[in-house]
Amino acid sequence: MSKLAINKGTPLRTKPWPSWPIHGEREIELLTEVVKSGQWSFGPKEEEFAAKFAEYQGAKHGICVSGGARALEVALKIKEHIDEL
């Protein structure tokens, strides 16, 4: 059996990882627009993203959250209410 790279085995990836996040002038323009609007949350861009992402997923609604832990909390609360129906 081969050794893991952490144990001085051969790494699977030898090329450097790409820089992240990938962004360009368009992302800078959009971010600047949001910052200047003063609506960092519950603004039109958030609503637009939620609607488009929901459509992409085939869902009726989308909800933007601040991170993974909040997403899990929202999902569990929604499930709790569905179970009550």
PDB file of N, CA and C in Angstrom:
ATOM      1  N   MET A   1       0.839  -1.179   0.000  1.00  0.00           N
ATOM      2  CA  MET A   1       0.000   0.000   0.000  1.00  0.00           C
ATOM      3  C   MET A   1       0.882   1.239   0.000  1.00  0.00           C
ATOM      4  N   SER A   2       0.475   2.262  -0.770  1.00  0.00           N
ATOM      5  CA  SER A   2       1.227   3.513  -0.855  1.00  0.00           C
ATOM      6  C   SER A   2       1.098   4.306   0.426  1.00  0.00           C
ATOM      7  N   LYS A   3       2.112   5.140   0.670  1.00  0.00           N
ATOM      8  CA  LYS A   3       2.068   6.029   1.819  1.00  0.00           C
ATOM      9  C   LYS A   3       1.287   7.280   1.460  1.00  0.00           C
ATOM     10  N   LEU A   4       0.591   7.819   2.436  1.00  0.00           N
ATOM     11  CA  LEU A   4      -0.060   9.108   2.244  1.00  0.00           C
ATOM     12  C   LEU A   4       1.003  10.190   2.128  1.00  0.00           C
ATOM     13  N   ALA A   5       0.680  11.264   1.408  1.00  0.00           N
ATOM     14  CA  ALA A   5       1.631  12.358   1.234  1.00  0.00           C
ATOM     15  C   ALA A   5       2.071  12.918   2.578  1.00  0.00           C
ATOM     16  N   ILE A   6       1.146  12.956   3.546  1.00  0.00           N
ATOM     17  CA  ILE A   6       1.484  13.478   4.873  1.00  0.00           C
ATOM     18  C   ILE A   6       2.538  12.614   5.574  1.00  0.00           C
ATOM     19  N   ASN A   7       2.627  11.345   5.146  1.00  0.00           N
ATOM     20  CA  ASN A   7       3.627  10.419   5.707  1.00  0.00           C
ATOM     21  C   ASN A   7       4.786  10.198   4.740  1.00  0.00           C
ATOM     22  N   LYS A   8       5.124  11.247   3.991  1.00  0.00           N
ATOM     23  CA  LYS A   8       6.242  11.245   3.046  1.00  0.00           C
ATOM     24  C   LYS A   8       5.996  10.392   1.808  1.00  0.00           C
ATOM     25  N   GLY A   9       4.727  10.159   1.510  1.00  0.00           N
ATOM     26  CA  GLY A   9       4.372   9.495   0.266  1.00  0.00           C
ATOM     27  C   GLY A   9       4.315  10.513  -0.862  1.00  0.00           C
ATOM     28  N   THR A  10       4.049  10.047  -2.073  1.00  0.00           N
ATOM     29  CA  THR A  10       3.982  10.938  -3.227  1.00  0.00           C
ATOM     30  C   THR A  10       2.632  11.652  -3.265  1.00  0.00           C
ATOM     31  N   PRO A  11       2.636  12.966  -3.315  1.00  0.00           N
ATOM     32  CA  PRO A  11       1.362  13.697  -3.390  1.00  0.00           C
ATOM     33  C   PRO A  11       0.655  13.409  -4.714  1.00  0.00           C
ATOM     34  N   LEU A  12      -0.670  13.383  -4.693  1.00  0.00           N
ATOM     35  CA  LEU A  12      -1.441  13.194  -5.913  1.00  0.00           C
ATOM     36  C   LEU A  12      -1.391  14.440  -6.787  1.00  0.00           C
ATOM     37  N   ARG A  13      -1.418  15.586  -6.156  1.00  0.00           N
ATOM     38  CA  ARG A  13      -1.390  16.843  -6.910  1.00  0.00           C
ATOM     39  C   ARG A  13      -0.005  17.448  -6.791  1.00  0.00           C
ATOM     40  N   THR A  14       0.600  17.709  -7.943  1.00  0.00           N
ATOM     41  CA  THR A  14       1.945  18.292  -7.934  1.00  0.00           C
ATOM     42  C   THR A  14       1.933  19.743  -8.404  1.00  0.00           C
ATOM     43  N   LYS A  15       0.850  20.149  -9.092  1.00  0.00           N
ATOM     44  CA  LYS A  15       0.734  21.542  -9.539  1.00  0.00           C
ATOM     45  C   LYS A  15       0.240  22.405  -8.380  1.00  0.00           C
ATOM     46  N   PRO A  16       0.606  23.687  -8.364  1.00  0.00           N
ATOM     47  CA  PRO A  16       0.086  24.559  -7.309  1.00  0.00           C
ATOM     48  C   PRO A  16      -1.427  24.774  -7.480  1.00  0.00           C
ATOM     49  N   TRP A  17      -2.097  25.018  -6.376  1.00  0.00           N
ATOM     50  CA  TRP A  17      -3.530  25.288  -6.426  1.00  0.00           C
ATOM     51  C   TRP A  17      -3.758  26.658  -7.019  1.00  0.00           C
ATOM     52  N   PRO A  18      -4.864  26.839  -7.764  1.00  0.00           N
ATOM     53  CA  PRO A  18      -5.150  28.167  -8.318  1.00  0.00           C
ATOM     54  C   PRO A  18      -5.508  29.143  -7.207  1.00  0.00           C
ATOM     55  N   SER A  19      -5.302  30.422  -7.479  1.00  0.00           N
ATOM     56  CA  SER A  19      -5.668  31.416  -6.477  1.00  0.00           C
ATOM     57  C   SER A  19      -7.188  31.469  -6.379  1.00  0.00           C
ATOM     58  N   TRP A  20      -7.670  31.816  -5.217  1.00  0.00           N
ATOM     59  CA  TRP A  20      -9.104  31.856  -4.978  1.00  0.00           C
ATOM     60  C   TRP A  20      -9.417  33.005  -4.049  1.00  0.00           C
ATOM     61  N   PRO A  21     -10.466  33.699  -4.168  1.00  0.00           N
ATOM     62  CA  PRO A  21     -11.516  33.495  -5.162  1.00  0.00           C
ATOM     63  C   PRO A  21     -11.121  34.046  -6.526  1.00  0.00           C
ATOM     64  N   ILE A  22     -11.690  33.463  -7.549  1.00  0.00           N
ATOM     65  CA  ILE A  22     -11.450  33.942  -8.905  1.00  0.00           C
ATOM     66  C   ILE A  22     -12.370  35.144  -9.112  1.00  0.00           C
ATOM     67  N   HIS A  23     -11.804  36.252  -9.533  1.00  0.00           N
ATOM     68  CA  HIS A  23     -12.607  37.456  -9.730  1.00  0.00           C
ATOM     69  C   HIS A  23     -12.014  38.310 -10.834  1.00  0.00           C
ATOM     70  N   GLY A  24     -12.841  39.172 -11.333  1.00  0.00           N
ATOM     71  CA  GLY A  24     -12.414  40.089 -12.383  1.00  0.00           C
ATOM     72  C   GLY A  24     -13.063  41.444 -12.170  1.00  0.00           C
ATOM     73  N   GLU A  25     -13.008  42.268 -13.195  1.00  0.00           N
ATOM     74  CA  GLU A  25     -13.559  43.617 -13.099  1.00  0.00           C
ATOM     75  C   GLU A  25     -15.060  43.605 -12.826  1.00  0.00           C
ATOM     76  N   ARG A  26     -15.794  42.653 -13.409  1.00  0.00           N
ATOM     77  CA  ARG A  26     -17.247  42.604 -13.208  1.00  0.00           C
ATOM     78  C   ARG A  26     -17.587  42.383 -11.735  1.00  0.00           C
ATOM     79  N   GLU A  27     -16.888  41.472 -11.080  1.00  0.00           N
ATOM     80  CA  GLU A  27     -17.136  41.215  -9.657  1.00  0.00           C
ATOM     81  C   GLU A  27     -16.797  42.434  -8.813  1.00  0.00           C
ATOM     82  N   ILE A  28     -15.742  43.138  -9.182  1.00  0.00           N
ATOM     83  CA  ILE A  28     -15.358  44.358  -8.458  1.00  0.00           C
ATOM     84  C   ILE A  28     -16.443  45.429  -8.628  1.00  0.00           C
ATOM     85  N   GLU A  29     -16.970  45.561  -9.843  1.00  0.00           N
ATOM     86  CA  GLU A  29     -18.041  46.535 -10.100  1.00  0.00           C
ATOM     87  C   GLU A  29     -19.285  46.205  -9.270  1.00  0.00           C
ATOM     88  N   LEU A  30     -19.685  44.934  -9.268  1.00  0.00           N
ATOM     89  CA  LEU A  30     -20.883  44.533  -8.530  1.00  0.00           C
ATOM     90  C   LEU A  30     -20.703  44.708  -7.024  1.00  0.00           C
ATOM     91  N   LEU A  31     -19.545  44.353  -6.516  1.00  0.00           N
ATOM     92  CA  LEU A  31     -19.277  44.518  -5.095  1.00  0.00           C
ATOM     93  C   LEU A  31     -19.283  45.996  -4.711  1.00  0.00           C
ATOM     94  N   THR A  32     -18.679  46.825  -5.548  1.00  0.00           N
ATOM     95  CA  THR A  32     -18.663  48.262  -5.306  1.00  0.00           C
ATOM     96  C   THR A  32     -20.089  48.815  -5.293  1.00  0.00           C
ATOM     97  N   GLU A  33     -20.922  48.324  -6.215  1.00  0.00           N
ATOM     98  CA  GLU A  33     -22.326  48.763  -6.278  1.00  0.00           C
ATOM     99  C   GLU A  33     -23.055  48.440  -4.971  1.00  0.00           C
ATOM    100  N   VAL A  34     -22.842  47.248  -4.445  1.00  0.00           N
ATOM    101  CA  VAL A  34     -23.495  46.848  -3.195  1.00  0.00           C
ATOM    102  C   VAL A  34     -22.982  47.686  -2.026  1.00  0.00           C
ATOM    103  N   VAL A  35     -21.682  47.853  -1.935  1.00  0.00           N
ATOM    104  CA  VAL A  35     -21.108  48.624  -0.827  1.00  0.00           C
ATOM    105  C   VAL A  35     -21.617  50.065  -0.858  1.00  0.00           C
ATOM    106  N   LYS A  36     -21.624  50.679  -2.032  1.00  0.00           N
ATOM    107  CA  LYS A  36     -22.084  52.066  -2.143  1.00  0.00           C
ATOM    108  C   LYS A  36     -23.578  52.204  -1.862  1.00  0.00           C
ATOM    109  N   SER A  37     -24.351  51.146  -2.111  1.00  0.00           N
ATOM    110  CA  SER A  37     -25.799  51.211  -1.869  1.00  0.00           C
ATOM    111  C   SER A  37     -26.123  51.262  -0.380  1.00  0.00           C
ATOM    112  N   GLY A  38     -25.214  50.761   0.456  1.00  0.00           N
ATOM    113  CA  GLY A  38     -25.468  50.700   1.892  1.00  0.00           C
ATOM    114  C   GLY A  38     -26.379  49.552   2.291  1.00  0.00           C
ATOM    115  N   GLN A  39     -26.815  48.755   1.324  1.00  0.00           N
ATOM    116  CA  GLN A  39     -27.693  47.612   1.601  1.00  0.00           C
ATOM    117  C   GLN A  39     -26.883  46.328   1.461  1.00  0.00           C
ATOM    118  N   TRP A  40     -26.151  45.997   2.498  1.00  0.00           N
ATOM    119  CA  TRP A  40     -25.282  44.832   2.462  1.00  0.00           C
ATOM    120  C   TRP A  40     -26.060  43.548   2.669  1.00  0.00           C
ATOM    121  N   SER A  41     -27.254  43.666   3.227  1.00  0.00           N
ATOM    122  CA  SER A  41     -28.128  42.499   3.350  1.00  0.00           C
ATOM    123  C   SER A  41     -29.560  42.959   3.113  1.00  0.00           C
ATOM    124  N   PHE A  42     -30.380  42.030   2.710  1.00  0.00           N
ATOM    125  CA  PHE A  42     -31.792  42.294   2.405  1.00  0.00           C
ATOM    126  C   PHE A  42     -31.958  43.355   1.317  1.00  0.00           C
ATOM    127  N   GLY A  43     -30.995  43.439   0.422  1.00  0.00           N
ATOM    128  CA  GLY A  43     -31.070  44.402  -0.672  1.00  0.00           C
ATOM    129  C   GLY A  43     -31.466  43.737  -1.974  1.00  0.00           C
ATOM    130  N   PRO A  44     -31.535  44.521  -3.037  1.00  0.00           N
ATOM    131  CA  PRO A  44     -31.976  43.990  -4.324  1.00  0.00           C
ATOM    132  C   PRO A  44     -31.056  42.918  -4.901  1.00  0.00           C
ATOM    133  N   LYS A  45     -29.762  43.029  -4.696  1.00  0.00           N
ATOM    134  CA  LYS A  45     -28.839  42.016  -5.230  1.00  0.00           C
ATOM    135  C   LYS A  45     -29.043  40.674  -4.525  1.00  0.00           C
ATOM    136  N   GLU A  46     -29.289  40.723  -3.223  1.00  0.00           N
ATOM    137  CA  GLU A  46     -29.538  39.494  -2.464  1.00  0.00           C
ATOM    138  C   GLU A  46     -30.835  38.838  -2.935  1.00  0.00           C
ATOM    139  N   GLU A  47     -31.856  39.636  -3.114  1.00  0.00           N
ATOM    140  CA  GLU A  47     -33.141  39.113  -3.593  1.00  0.00           C
ATOM    141  C   GLU A  47     -32.995  38.498  -4.979  1.00  0.00           C
ATOM    142  N   GLU A  48     -32.265  39.193  -5.847  1.00  0.00           N
ATOM    143  CA  GLU A  48     -32.038  38.704  -7.209  1.00  0.00           C
ATOM    144  C   GLU A  48     -31.287  37.376  -7.187  1.00  0.00           C
ATOM    145  N   PHE A  49     -30.239  37.305  -6.371  1.00  0.00           N
ATOM    146  CA  PHE A  49     -29.463  36.069  -6.283  1.00  0.00           C
ATOM    147  C   PHE A  49     -30.325  34.920  -5.766  1.00  0.00           C
ATOM    148  N   ALA A  50     -31.091  35.168  -4.704  1.00  0.00           N
ATOM    149  CA  ALA A  50     -31.931  34.115  -4.122  1.00  0.00           C
ATOM    150  C   ALA A  50     -32.929  33.591  -5.150  1.00  0.00           C
ATOM    151  N   ALA A  51     -33.555  34.497  -5.891  1.00  0.00           N
ATOM    152  CA  ALA A  51     -34.541  34.089  -6.893  1.00  0.00           C
ATOM    153  C   ALA A  51     -33.896  33.297  -8.025  1.00  0.00           C
ATOM    154  N   LYS A  52     -32.767  33.778  -8.526  1.00  0.00           N
ATOM    155  CA  LYS A  52     -32.098  33.083  -9.635  1.00  0.00           C
ATOM    156  C   LYS A  52     -31.550  31.727  -9.203  1.00  0.00           C
ATOM    157  N   PHE A  53     -31.013  31.652  -7.989  1.00  0.00           N
ATOM    158  CA  PHE A  53     -30.471  30.378  -7.511  1.00  0.00           C
ATOM    159  C   PHE A  53     -31.598  29.379  -7.271  1.00  0.00           C
ATOM    160  N   ALA A  54     -32.718  29.850  -6.738  1.00  0.00           N
ATOM    161  CA  ALA A  54     -33.876  28.982  -6.536  1.00  0.00           C
ATOM    162  C   ALA A  54     -34.360  28.439  -7.882  1.00  0.00           C
ATOM    163  N   GLU A  55     -34.446  29.306  -8.868  1.00  0.00           N
ATOM    164  CA  GLU A  55     -34.876  28.876 -10.209  1.00  0.00           C
ATOM    165  C   GLU A  55     -33.910  27.838 -10.771  1.00  0.00           C
ATOM    166  N   TYR A  56     -32.622  28.087 -10.620  1.00  0.00           N
ATOM    167  CA  TYR A  56     -31.592  27.157 -11.096  1.00  0.00           C
ATOM    168  C   TYR A  56     -31.750  25.777 -10.443  1.00  0.00           C
ATOM    169  N   GLN A  57     -32.137  25.770  -9.170  1.00  0.00           N
ATOM    170  CA  GLN A  57     -32.300  24.522  -8.423  1.00  0.00           C
ATOM    171  C   GLN A  57     -33.678  23.892  -8.617  1.00  0.00           C
ATOM    172  N   GLY A  58     -34.581  24.608  -9.291  1.00  0.00           N
ATOM    173  CA  GLY A  58     -35.932  24.106  -9.470  1.00  0.00           C
ATOM    174  C   GLY A  58     -36.770  24.261  -8.214  1.00  0.00           C
ATOM    175  N   ALA A  59     -36.438  25.253  -7.384  1.00  0.00           N
ATOM    176  CA  ALA A  59     -37.162  25.489  -6.133  1.00  0.00           C
ATOM    177  C   ALA A  59     -38.073  26.700  -6.286  1.00  0.00           C
ATOM    178  N   LYS A  60     -39.089  26.775  -5.438  1.00  0.00           N
ATOM    179  CA  LYS A  60     -39.999  27.917  -5.471  1.00  0.00           C
ATOM    180  C   LYS A  60     -39.365  29.154  -4.840  1.00  0.00           C
ATOM    181  N   HIS A  61     -38.531  28.963  -3.824  1.00  0.00           N
ATOM    182  CA  HIS A  61     -37.975  30.082  -3.072  1.00  0.00           C
ATOM    183  C   HIS A  61     -36.501  29.823  -2.773  1.00  0.00           C
ATOM    184  N   GLY A  62     -35.780  30.887  -2.526  1.00  0.00           N
ATOM    185  CA  GLY A  62     -34.395  30.800  -2.092  1.00  0.00           C
ATOM    186  C   GLY A  62     -34.188  31.706  -0.895  1.00  0.00           C
ATOM    187  N   ILE A  63     -33.262  31.331  -0.039  1.00  0.00           N
ATOM    188  CA  ILE A  63     -32.962  32.126   1.152  1.00  0.00           C
ATOM    189  C   ILE A  63     -31.449  32.304   1.226  1.00  0.00           C
ATOM    190  N   CYS A  64     -31.005  33.533   1.339  1.00  0.00           N
ATOM    191  CA  CYS A  64     -29.575  33.794   1.513  1.00  0.00           C
ATOM    192  C   CYS A  64     -29.254  33.782   3.006  1.00  0.00           C
ATOM    193  N   VAL A  65     -28.146  33.157   3.356  1.00  0.00           N
ATOM    194  CA  VAL A  65     -27.696  33.121   4.746  1.00  0.00           C
ATOM    195  C   VAL A  65     -26.215  33.470   4.798  1.00  0.00           C
ATOM    196  N   SER A  66     -25.717  33.717   5.997  1.00  0.00           N
ATOM    197  CA  SER A  66     -24.343  34.183   6.160  1.00  0.00           C
ATOM    198  C   SER A  66     -23.293  33.087   6.115  1.00  0.00           C
ATOM    199  N   GLY A  67     -23.688  31.837   6.253  1.00  0.00           N
ATOM    200  CA  GLY A  67     -22.704  30.765   6.233  1.00  0.00           C
ATOM    201  C   GLY A  67     -23.350  29.404   6.426  1.00  0.00           C
ATOM    202  N   GLY A  68     -22.505  28.382   6.477  1.00  0.00           N
ATOM    203  CA  GLY A  68     -22.971  27.005   6.555  1.00  0.00           C
ATOM    204  C   GLY A  68     -23.741  26.670   7.815  1.00  0.00           C
ATOM    205  N   ALA A  69     -23.283  27.167   8.962  1.00  0.00           N
ATOM    206  CA  ALA A  69     -23.987  26.871  10.218  1.00  0.00           C
ATOM    207  C   ALA A  69     -25.383  27.477  10.189  1.00  0.00           C
ATOM    208  N   ARG A  70     -25.495  28.695   9.692  1.00  0.00           N
ATOM    209  CA  ARG A  70     -26.805  29.346   9.591  1.00  0.00           C
ATOM    210  C   ARG A  70     -27.689  28.603   8.585  1.00  0.00           C
ATOM    211  N   ALA A  71     -27.114  28.106   7.507  1.00  0.00           N
ATOM    212  CA  ALA A  71     -27.880  27.351   6.510  1.00  0.00           C
ATOM    213  C   ALA A  71     -28.467  26.087   7.129  1.00  0.00           C
ATOM    214  N   LEU A  72     -27.681  25.396   7.946  1.00  0.00           N
ATOM    215  CA  LEU A  72     -28.178  24.191   8.623  1.00  0.00           C
ATOM    216  C   LEU A  72     -29.299  24.542   9.595  1.00  0.00           C
ATOM    217  N   GLU A  73     -29.130  25.631  10.326  1.00  0.00           N
ATOM    218  CA  GLU A  73     -30.163  26.064  11.273  1.00  0.00           C
ATOM    219  C   GLU A  73     -31.473  26.363  10.543  1.00  0.00           C
ATOM    220  N   VAL A  74     -31.391  27.095   9.439  1.00  0.00           N
ATOM    221  CA  VAL A  74     -32.587  27.425   8.657  1.00  0.00           C
ATOM    222  C   VAL A  74     -33.232  26.156   8.112  1.00  0.00           C
ATOM    223  N   ALA A  75     -32.424  25.255   7.584  1.00  0.00           N
ATOM    224  CA  ALA A  75     -32.967  24.006   7.032  1.00  0.00           C
ATOM    225  C   ALA A  75     -33.696  23.199   8.103  1.00  0.00           C
ATOM    226  N   LEU A  76     -33.135  23.127   9.300  1.00  0.00           N
ATOM    227  CA  LEU A  76     -33.776  22.375  10.374  1.00  0.00           C
ATOM    228  C   LEU A  76     -35.067  23.045  10.844  1.00  0.00           C
ATOM    229  N   LYS A  77     -35.071  24.368  10.878  1.00  0.00           N
ATOM    230  CA  LYS A  77     -36.299  25.077  11.277  1.00  0.00           C
ATOM    231  C   LYS A  77     -37.395  24.880  10.234  1.00  0.00           C
ATOM    232  N   ILE A  78     -37.026  24.924   8.966  1.00  0.00           N
ATOM    233  CA  ILE A  78     -38.007  24.696   7.906  1.00  0.00           C
ATOM    234  C   ILE A  78     -38.552  23.278   8.000  1.00  0.00           C
ATOM    235  N   LYS A  79     -37.668  22.307   8.211  1.00  0.00           N
ATOM    236  CA  LYS A  79     -38.104  20.914   8.340  1.00  0.00           C
ATOM    237  C   LYS A  79     -39.054  20.759   9.519  1.00  0.00           C
ATOM    238  N   GLU A  80     -38.752  21.419  10.617  1.00  0.00           N
ATOM    239  CA  GLU A  80     -39.601  21.372  11.822  1.00  0.00           C
ATOM    240  C   GLU A  80     -41.017  21.855  11.504  1.00  0.00           C
ATOM    241  N   HIS A  81     -41.111  22.940  10.730  1.00  0.00           N
ATOM    242  CA  HIS A  81     -42.436  23.469  10.381  1.00  0.00           C
ATOM    243  C   HIS A  81     -43.144  22.561   9.379  1.00  0.00           C
ATOM    244  N   ILE A  82     -42.413  21.953   8.467  1.00  0.00           N
ATOM    245  CA  ILE A  82     -43.031  21.033   7.515  1.00  0.00           C
ATOM    246  C   ILE A  82     -43.569  19.808   8.249  1.00  0.00           C
ATOM    247  N   ASP A  83     -42.793  19.319   9.212  1.00  0.00           N
ATOM    248  CA  ASP A  83     -43.227  18.149   9.986  1.00  0.00           C
ATOM    249  C   ASP A  83     -44.517  18.431  10.777  1.00  0.00           C
ATOM    250  N   GLU A  84     -44.720  19.701  11.154  1.00  0.00           N
ATOM    251  CA  GLU A  84     -45.912  20.070  11.920  1.00  0.00           C
ATOM    252  C   GLU A  84     -47.159  20.113  11.045  1.00  0.00           C
ATOM    253  N   LEU A  85     -46.991  20.248   9.737  1.00  0.00           N
ATOM    254  CA  LEU A  85     -48.155  20.351   8.827  1.00  0.00           C
ATOM    255  C   LEU A  85     -48.899  19.051   8.680  1.00  0.00           C
TER     256      LEU A  85
END
